[in-house]
Amino acid sequence: MFSPFHWRWALPLLAAAVAIAAALAGILVTGARRWTRVAEPLSGALLLGVALFGLLPELAQEIGWIPALVLFALGYFLLSASSLHRFTIPLIATAALHTFIDGWGLASLQSSGSLGVRIAFPMAVMLHKAPEGLALGAMLESSTGSKRRAFAWVAAVELITVAGSAVGFALAAGAWISYLLAVTGGSFVYLGAHAVRGLTSRQSHQS
């Protein structure tokens, strides 16, 4: 007999599904990319708000303001440095690492003692998954020259979210979880700032 579905898998599966569906829409529907120009900065601003005013204060209460700020900065600069490369292999590797950490964080937060963290972190993940899928699908289609290959790569990369959760569930909970979530929170700040900066850059070119 099959074992019953464990609801702890719902968040990582939903996160992967949102990104994959968004990537498929971005690859197949030309109009979806125009919609992205509006949705991406909006979700970026919301992501910044959740990360800075929801997740950061909650984590600071658990590990202290200085460690939280340092780890946020580390997560920001790690993702910033890895995003300098846009050709196919580094892009896939960077996206795979990011989705793995997303999944690990979604699993680990279930052991967090802070209700605020357990609310803010999933919100932050879901807010950036759709724009992430759209952007990743468009970049991979451009670099591979194939809609099918682009979608296959996006699906493989986003399903690594579930693999990250599996690792998170397998490891024992501990105080280190808050430190991991803080590094991931820094990557959310980068993603949100990057999305908002993209809008201001387009407006400056148009003016």
C-alpha atoms as a PDB file:
ATOM      1  CA  MET A   1       0.000   0.000   0.000  1.00  0.00           C
ATOM      2  CA  PHE A   2       1.098   3.564  -0.665  1.00  0.00           C
ATOM      3  CA  SER A   3       1.913   5.669   2.384  1.00  0.00           C
ATOM      4  CA  PRO A   4      -0.331   8.708   2.909  1.00  0.00           C
ATOM      5  CA  PHE A   5       0.790  12.059   1.570  1.00  0.00           C
ATOM      6  CA  HIS A   6       2.764  14.059   4.118  1.00  0.00           C
ATOM      7  CA  TRP A   7       1.662  17.681   4.122  1.00  0.00           C
ATOM      8  CA  ARG A   8       5.201  18.802   4.914  1.00  0.00           C
ATOM      9  CA  TRP A   9       5.946  18.207   1.197  1.00  0.00           C
ATOM     10  CA  ALA A  10       3.158  20.563   0.092  1.00  0.00           C
ATOM     11  CA  LEU A  11       5.211  23.781   0.218  1.00  0.00           C
ATOM     12  CA  PRO A  12       8.277  22.576  -1.731  1.00  0.00           C
ATOM     13  CA  LEU A  13       6.080  20.860  -4.334  1.00  0.00           C
ATOM     14  CA  LEU A  14       3.906  23.967  -4.697  1.00  0.00           C
ATOM     15  CA  ALA A  15       6.974  26.216  -5.008  1.00  0.00           C
ATOM     16  CA  ALA A  16       8.437  24.036  -7.773  1.00  0.00           C
ATOM     17  CA  ALA A  17       5.072  23.809  -9.558  1.00  0.00           C
ATOM     18  CA  VAL A  18       4.588  27.595  -9.543  1.00  0.00           C
ATOM     19  CA  ALA A  19       8.019  28.200 -11.084  1.00  0.00           C
ATOM     20  CA  ILE A  20       7.613  25.455 -13.706  1.00  0.00           C
ATOM     21  CA  ALA A  21       4.152  26.709 -14.713  1.00  0.00           C
ATOM     22  CA  ALA A  22       5.472  30.266 -14.985  1.00  0.00           C
ATOM     23  CA  ALA A  23       8.401  29.113 -17.118  1.00  0.00           C
ATOM     24  CA  LEU A  24       6.062  27.212 -19.439  1.00  0.00           C
ATOM     25  CA  ALA A  25       3.875  30.298 -19.817  1.00  0.00           C
ATOM     26  CA  GLY A  26       6.896  32.480 -20.502  1.00  0.00           C
ATOM     27  CA  ILE A  27       8.253  30.101 -23.133  1.00  0.00           C
ATOM     28  CA  LEU A  28       4.976  29.402 -24.942  1.00  0.00           C
ATOM     29  CA  VAL A  29       2.997  32.622 -24.564  1.00  0.00           C
ATOM     30  CA  THR A  30       4.599  35.750 -26.017  1.00  0.00           C
ATOM     31  CA  GLY A  31       2.243  38.045 -24.097  1.00  0.00           C
ATOM     32  CA  ALA A  32       3.369  36.540 -20.807  1.00  0.00           C
ATOM     33  CA  ARG A  33       6.717  38.279 -21.144  1.00  0.00           C
ATOM     34  CA  ARG A  34       5.021  41.667 -21.420  1.00  0.00           C
ATOM     35  CA  TRP A  35       3.048  40.832 -18.275  1.00  0.00           C
ATOM     36  CA  THR A  36       6.333  39.948 -16.575  1.00  0.00           C
ATOM     37  CA  ARG A  37       7.556  43.522 -16.978  1.00  0.00           C
ATOM     38  CA  VAL A  38       4.719  44.592 -14.666  1.00  0.00           C
ATOM     39  CA  ALA A  39       4.571  41.599 -12.315  1.00  0.00           C
ATOM     40  CA  GLU A  40       8.313  41.216 -11.718  1.00  0.00           C
ATOM     41  CA  PRO A  41       8.982  44.621 -10.089  1.00  0.00           C
ATOM     42  CA  LEU A  42       5.766  44.360  -8.065  1.00  0.00           C
ATOM     43  CA  SER A  43       6.675  40.940  -6.704  1.00  0.00           C
ATOM     44  CA  GLY A  44      10.234  42.208  -6.173  1.00  0.00           C
ATOM     45  CA  ALA A  45       9.008  45.072  -4.001  1.00  0.00           C
ATOM     46  CA  LEU A  46       6.801  42.699  -2.005  1.00  0.00           C
ATOM     47  CA  LEU A  47       9.707  40.270  -1.638  1.00  0.00           C
ATOM     48  CA  LEU A  48      11.938  43.068  -0.318  1.00  0.00           C
ATOM     49  CA  GLY A  49       9.277  44.049   2.205  1.00  0.00           C
ATOM     50  CA  VAL A  50       8.759  40.502   3.462  1.00  0.00           C
ATOM     51  CA  ALA A  51      12.517  39.814   3.703  1.00  0.00           C
ATOM     52  CA  LEU A  52      13.494  43.089   5.407  1.00  0.00           C
ATOM     53  CA  PHE A  53      10.459  43.754   7.596  1.00  0.00           C
ATOM     54  CA  GLY A  54       9.166  40.221   8.189  1.00  0.00           C
ATOM     55  CA  LEU A  55      11.974  37.675   8.048  1.00  0.00           C
ATOM     56  CA  LEU A  56      14.959  39.762   9.202  1.00  0.00           C
ATOM     57  CA  PRO A  57      13.449  41.047  12.494  1.00  0.00           C
ATOM     58  CA  GLU A  58      12.202  37.569  13.409  1.00  0.00           C
ATOM     59  CA  LEU A  59      15.601  35.973  12.770  1.00  0.00           C
ATOM     60  CA  ALA A  60      17.341  38.820  14.621  1.00  0.00           C
ATOM     61  CA  GLN A  61      15.311  37.938  17.706  1.00  0.00           C
ATOM     62  CA  GLU A  62      16.619  34.367  17.504  1.00  0.00           C
ATOM     63  CA  ILE A  63      20.308  34.896  16.640  1.00  0.00           C
ATOM     64  CA  GLY A  64      20.901  38.615  17.287  1.00  0.00           C
ATOM     65  CA  TRP A  65      20.947  41.631  14.969  1.00  0.00           C
ATOM     66  CA  ILE A  66      24.638  41.574  14.084  1.00  0.00           C
ATOM     67  CA  PRO A  67      24.752  37.867  13.003  1.00  0.00           C
ATOM     68  CA  ALA A  68      21.444  38.283  11.146  1.00  0.00           C
ATOM     69  CA  LEU A  69      22.654  41.350   9.234  1.00  0.00           C
ATOM     70  CA  VAL A  70      26.032  39.779   8.433  1.00  0.00           C
ATOM     71  CA  LEU A  71      24.403  36.582   7.126  1.00  0.00           C
ATOM     72  CA  PHE A  72      21.838  38.557   5.128  1.00  0.00           C
ATOM     73  CA  ALA A  73      24.715  40.472   3.536  1.00  0.00           C
ATOM     74  CA  LEU A  74      26.527  37.186   2.831  1.00  0.00           C
ATOM     75  CA  GLY A  75      23.475  35.725   1.094  1.00  0.00           C
ATOM     76  CA  TYR A  76      23.054  38.924  -0.941  1.00  0.00           C
ATOM     77  CA  PHE A  77      26.648  39.015  -2.171  1.00  0.00           C
ATOM     78  CA  LEU A  78      26.857  35.273  -2.844  1.00  0.00           C
ATOM     79  CA  LEU A  79      23.852  35.420  -5.163  1.00  0.00           C
ATOM     80  CA  SER A  80      25.051  38.689  -6.662  1.00  0.00           C
ATOM     81  CA  ALA A  81      28.453  37.188  -7.510  1.00  0.00           C
ATOM     82  CA  SER A  82      26.989  33.992  -8.955  1.00  0.00           C
ATOM     83  CA  SER A  83      24.549  35.976 -11.114  1.00  0.00           C
ATOM     84  CA  LEU A  84      27.334  37.701 -13.032  1.00  0.00           C
ATOM     85  CA  HIS A  85      27.449  34.739 -15.417  1.00  0.00           C
ATOM     86  CA  ARG A  86      24.537  34.371 -17.850  1.00  0.00           C
ATOM     87  CA  PHE A  87      25.610  31.580 -20.187  1.00  0.00           C
ATOM     88  CA  THR A  88      23.922  28.227 -19.917  1.00  0.00           C
ATOM     89  CA  ILE A  89      26.010  26.046 -17.569  1.00  0.00           C
ATOM     90  CA  PRO A  90      26.726  28.674 -14.874  1.00  0.00           C
ATOM     91  CA  LEU A  91      23.112  29.858 -15.109  1.00  0.00           C
ATOM     92  CA  ILE A  92      21.773  26.342 -14.524  1.00  0.00           C
ATOM     93  CA  ALA A  93      24.273  25.693 -11.712  1.00  0.00           C
ATOM     94  CA  THR A  94      23.417  28.958  -9.950  1.00  0.00           C
ATOM     95  CA  ALA A  95      19.665  28.385 -10.294  1.00  0.00           C
ATOM     96  CA  ALA A  96      20.005  24.784  -9.065  1.00  0.00           C
ATOM     97  CA  LEU A  97      21.920  25.888  -5.969  1.00  0.00           C
ATOM     98  CA  HIS A  98      19.367  28.586  -5.260  1.00  0.00           C
ATOM     99  CA  THR A  99      16.379  26.244  -5.581  1.00  0.00           C
ATOM    100  CA  PHE A 100      18.148  23.651  -3.396  1.00  0.00           C
ATOM    101  CA  ILE A 101      18.568  26.259  -0.650  1.00  0.00           C
ATOM    102  CA  ASP A 102      14.930  27.320  -1.072  1.00  0.00           C
ATOM    103  CA  GLY A 103      13.819  23.735  -0.521  1.00  0.00           C
ATOM    104  CA  TRP A 104      16.177  23.214   2.404  1.00  0.00           C
ATOM    105  CA  GLY A 105      14.890  26.402   3.982  1.00  0.00           C
ATOM    106  CA  LEU A 106      11.243  25.387   3.523  1.00  0.00           C
ATOM    107  CA  ALA A 107      11.947  22.105   5.295  1.00  0.00           C
ATOM    108  CA  SER A 108      14.086  23.621   8.033  1.00  0.00           C
ATOM    109  CA  LEU A 109      11.698  26.402   8.963  1.00  0.00           C
ATOM    110  CA  GLN A 110       9.209  23.795  10.195  1.00  0.00           C
ATOM    111  CA  SER A 111      11.568  23.327  13.136  1.00  0.00           C
ATOM    112  CA  SER A 112      11.890  27.066  13.767  1.00  0.00           C
ATOM    113  CA  GLY A 113      10.535  28.287  17.077  1.00  0.00           C
ATOM    114  CA  SER A 114       9.354  31.581  15.585  1.00  0.00           C
ATOM    115  CA  LEU A 115       5.856  31.760  14.130  1.00  0.00           C
ATOM    116  CA  GLY A 116       6.867  34.890  12.217  1.00  0.00           C
ATOM    117  CA  VAL A 117       9.668  33.010  10.438  1.00  0.00           C
ATOM    118  CA  ARG A 118       7.331  30.140   9.587  1.00  0.00           C
ATOM    119  CA  ILE A 119       4.996  32.657   7.912  1.00  0.00           C
ATOM    120  CA  ALA A 120       7.467  35.101   6.332  1.00  0.00           C
ATOM    121  CA  PHE A 121       9.836  32.577   4.747  1.00  0.00           C
ATOM    122  CA  PRO A 122       7.212  30.665   2.686  1.00  0.00           C
ATOM    123  CA  MET A 123       5.730  34.009   1.590  1.00  0.00           C
ATOM    124  CA  ALA A 124       9.140  35.133   0.368  1.00  0.00           C
ATOM    125  CA  VAL A 125       9.722  31.879  -1.526  1.00  0.00           C
ATOM    126  CA  MET A 126       6.327  31.957  -3.244  1.00  0.00           C
ATOM    127  CA  LEU A 127       6.654  35.642  -4.169  1.00  0.00           C
ATOM    128  CA  HIS A 128       9.791  35.100  -6.226  1.00  0.00           C
ATOM    129  CA  LYS A 129       9.029  31.689  -7.745  1.00  0.00           C
ATOM    130  CA  ALA A 130       6.795  32.884 -10.605  1.00  0.00           C
ATOM    131  CA  PRO A 131       9.137  35.681 -11.778  1.00  0.00           C
ATOM    132  CA  GLU A 132      12.068  33.307 -11.311  1.00  0.00           C
ATOM    133  CA  GLY A 133      10.456  30.696 -13.557  1.00  0.00           C
ATOM    134  CA  LEU A 134       9.564  33.258 -16.232  1.00  0.00           C
ATOM    135  CA  ALA A 135      13.062  34.764 -16.258  1.00  0.00           C
ATOM    136  CA  LEU A 136      14.870  31.414 -16.165  1.00  0.00           C
ATOM    137  CA  GLY A 137      12.719  30.020 -18.981  1.00  0.00           C
ATOM    138  CA  ALA A 138      13.361  33.068 -21.174  1.00  0.00           C
ATOM    139  CA  MET A 139      17.134  33.057 -20.555  1.00  0.00           C
ATOM    140  CA  LEU A 140      17.475  29.312 -21.168  1.00  0.00           C
ATOM    141  CA  GLU A 141      15.384  29.486 -24.328  1.00  0.00           C
ATOM    142  CA  SER A 142      17.681  32.238 -25.573  1.00  0.00           C
ATOM    143  CA  SER A 143      20.890  30.384 -24.656  1.00  0.00           C
ATOM    144  CA  THR A 144      19.827  26.894 -25.821  1.00  0.00           C
ATOM    145  CA  GLY A 145      17.784  27.964 -28.865  1.00  0.00           C
ATOM    146  CA  SER A 146      15.096  25.407 -28.043  1.00  0.00           C
ATOM    147  CA  LYS A 147      11.785  25.768 -26.194  1.00  0.00           C
ATOM    148  CA  ARG A 148      11.771  22.068 -25.270  1.00  0.00           C
ATOM    149  CA  ARG A 149      15.306  22.052 -23.893  1.00  0.00           C
ATOM    150  CA  ALA A 150      14.656  25.275 -22.012  1.00  0.00           C
ATOM    151  CA  PHE A 151      11.522  23.870 -20.372  1.00  0.00           C
ATOM    152  CA  ALA A 152      13.231  20.573 -19.534  1.00  0.00           C
ATOM    153  CA  TRP A 153      16.099  22.409 -17.831  1.00  0.00           C
ATOM    154  CA  VAL A 154      13.746  24.679 -15.893  1.00  0.00           C
ATOM    155  CA  ALA A 155      11.701  21.697 -14.699  1.00  0.00           C
ATOM    156  CA  ALA A 156      14.839  19.837 -13.615  1.00  0.00           C
ATOM    157  CA  VAL A 157      16.232  22.874 -11.812  1.00  0.00           C
ATOM    158  CA  GLU A 158      12.994  23.740 -10.011  1.00  0.00           C
ATOM    159  CA  LEU A 159      12.402  20.147  -8.868  1.00  0.00           C
ATOM    160  CA  ILE A 160      15.691  20.450  -6.985  1.00  0.00           C
ATOM    161  CA  THR A 161      13.567  22.454  -4.520  1.00  0.00           C
ATOM    162  CA  VAL A 162      12.061  19.132  -3.454  1.00  0.00           C
ATOM    163  CA  ALA A 163      15.521  17.551  -3.186  1.00  0.00           C
ATOM    164  CA  GLY A 164      16.608  20.388  -0.912  1.00  0.00           C
ATOM    165  CA  SER A 165      13.578  19.786   1.280  1.00  0.00           C
ATOM    166  CA  ALA A 166      14.389  16.080   1.457  1.00  0.00           C
ATOM    167  CA  VAL A 167      17.857  16.929   2.803  1.00  0.00           C
ATOM    168  CA  GLY A 168      16.343  19.407   5.245  1.00  0.00           C
ATOM    169  CA  PHE A 169      13.865  16.840   6.545  1.00  0.00           C
ATOM    170  CA  ALA A 170      16.595  14.214   6.910  1.00  0.00           C
ATOM    171  CA  LEU A 171      18.927  16.375   9.001  1.00  0.00           C
ATOM    172  CA  ALA A 172      18.279  16.937  12.662  1.00  0.00           C
ATOM    173  CA  ALA A 173      16.956  20.324  13.646  1.00  0.00           C
ATOM    174  CA  GLY A 174      19.239  22.693  15.515  1.00  0.00           C
ATOM    175  CA  ALA A 175      20.137  26.314  16.133  1.00  0.00           C
ATOM    176  CA  TRP A 176      22.016  26.382  12.798  1.00  0.00           C
ATOM    177  CA  ILE A 177      18.660  26.492  10.975  1.00  0.00           C
ATOM    178  CA  SER A 178      18.199  30.183  11.759  1.00  0.00           C
ATOM    179  CA  TYR A 179      21.658  30.932  10.317  1.00  0.00           C
ATOM    180  CA  LEU A 180      20.801  29.103   7.078  1.00  0.00           C
ATOM    181  CA  LEU A 181      17.493  30.962   6.830  1.00  0.00           C
ATOM    182  CA  ALA A 182      19.322  34.275   7.314  1.00  0.00           C
ATOM    183  CA  VAL A 183      21.684  33.545   4.393  1.00  0.00           C
ATOM    184  CA  THR A 184      18.680  32.614   2.261  1.00  0.00           C
ATOM    185  CA  GLY A 185      16.940  35.806   3.382  1.00  0.00           C
ATOM    186  CA  GLY A 186      19.862  37.790   1.995  1.00  0.00           C
ATOM    187  CA  SER A 187      19.368  36.121  -1.380  1.00  0.00           C
ATOM    188  CA  PHE A 188      15.705  37.224  -1.266  1.00  0.00           C
ATOM    189  CA  VAL A 189      16.865  40.827  -0.768  1.00  0.00           C
ATOM    190  CA  TYR A 190      19.077  40.527  -3.860  1.00  0.00           C
ATOM    191  CA  LEU A 191      16.255  39.035  -5.947  1.00  0.00           C
ATOM    192  CA  GLY A 192      13.797  41.709  -4.844  1.00  0.00           C
ATOM    193  CA  ALA A 193      16.247  44.574  -5.389  1.00  0.00           C
ATOM    194  CA  HIS A 194      17.245  43.179  -8.789  1.00  0.00           C
ATOM    195  CA  ALA A 195      13.598  43.044  -9.910  1.00  0.00           C
ATOM    196  CA  VAL A 196      12.865  46.610  -8.760  1.00  0.00           C
ATOM    197  CA  ARG A 197      16.145  47.892 -10.248  1.00  0.00           C
ATOM    198  CA  GLY A 198      15.143  46.349 -13.596  1.00  0.00           C
ATOM    199  CA  LEU A 199      12.013  48.509 -13.689  1.00  0.00           C
ATOM    200  CA  THR A 200      13.872  51.732 -12.888  1.00  0.00           C
ATOM    201  CA  SER A 201      16.503  50.882 -15.523  1.00  0.00           C
ATOM    202  CA  ARG A 202      13.840  50.385 -18.217  1.00  0.00           C
ATOM    203  CA  GLN A 203      12.160  53.675 -17.259  1.00  0.00           C
ATOM    204  CA  SER A 204      15.456  55.578 -17.483  1.00  0.00           C
ATOM    205  CA  HIS A 205      16.109  54.155 -20.967  1.00  0.00           C
ATOM    206  CA  GLN A 206      12.624  55.176 -22.120  1.00  0.00           C
ATOM    207  CA  SER A 207      12.972  58.759 -20.834  1.00  0.00           C
END
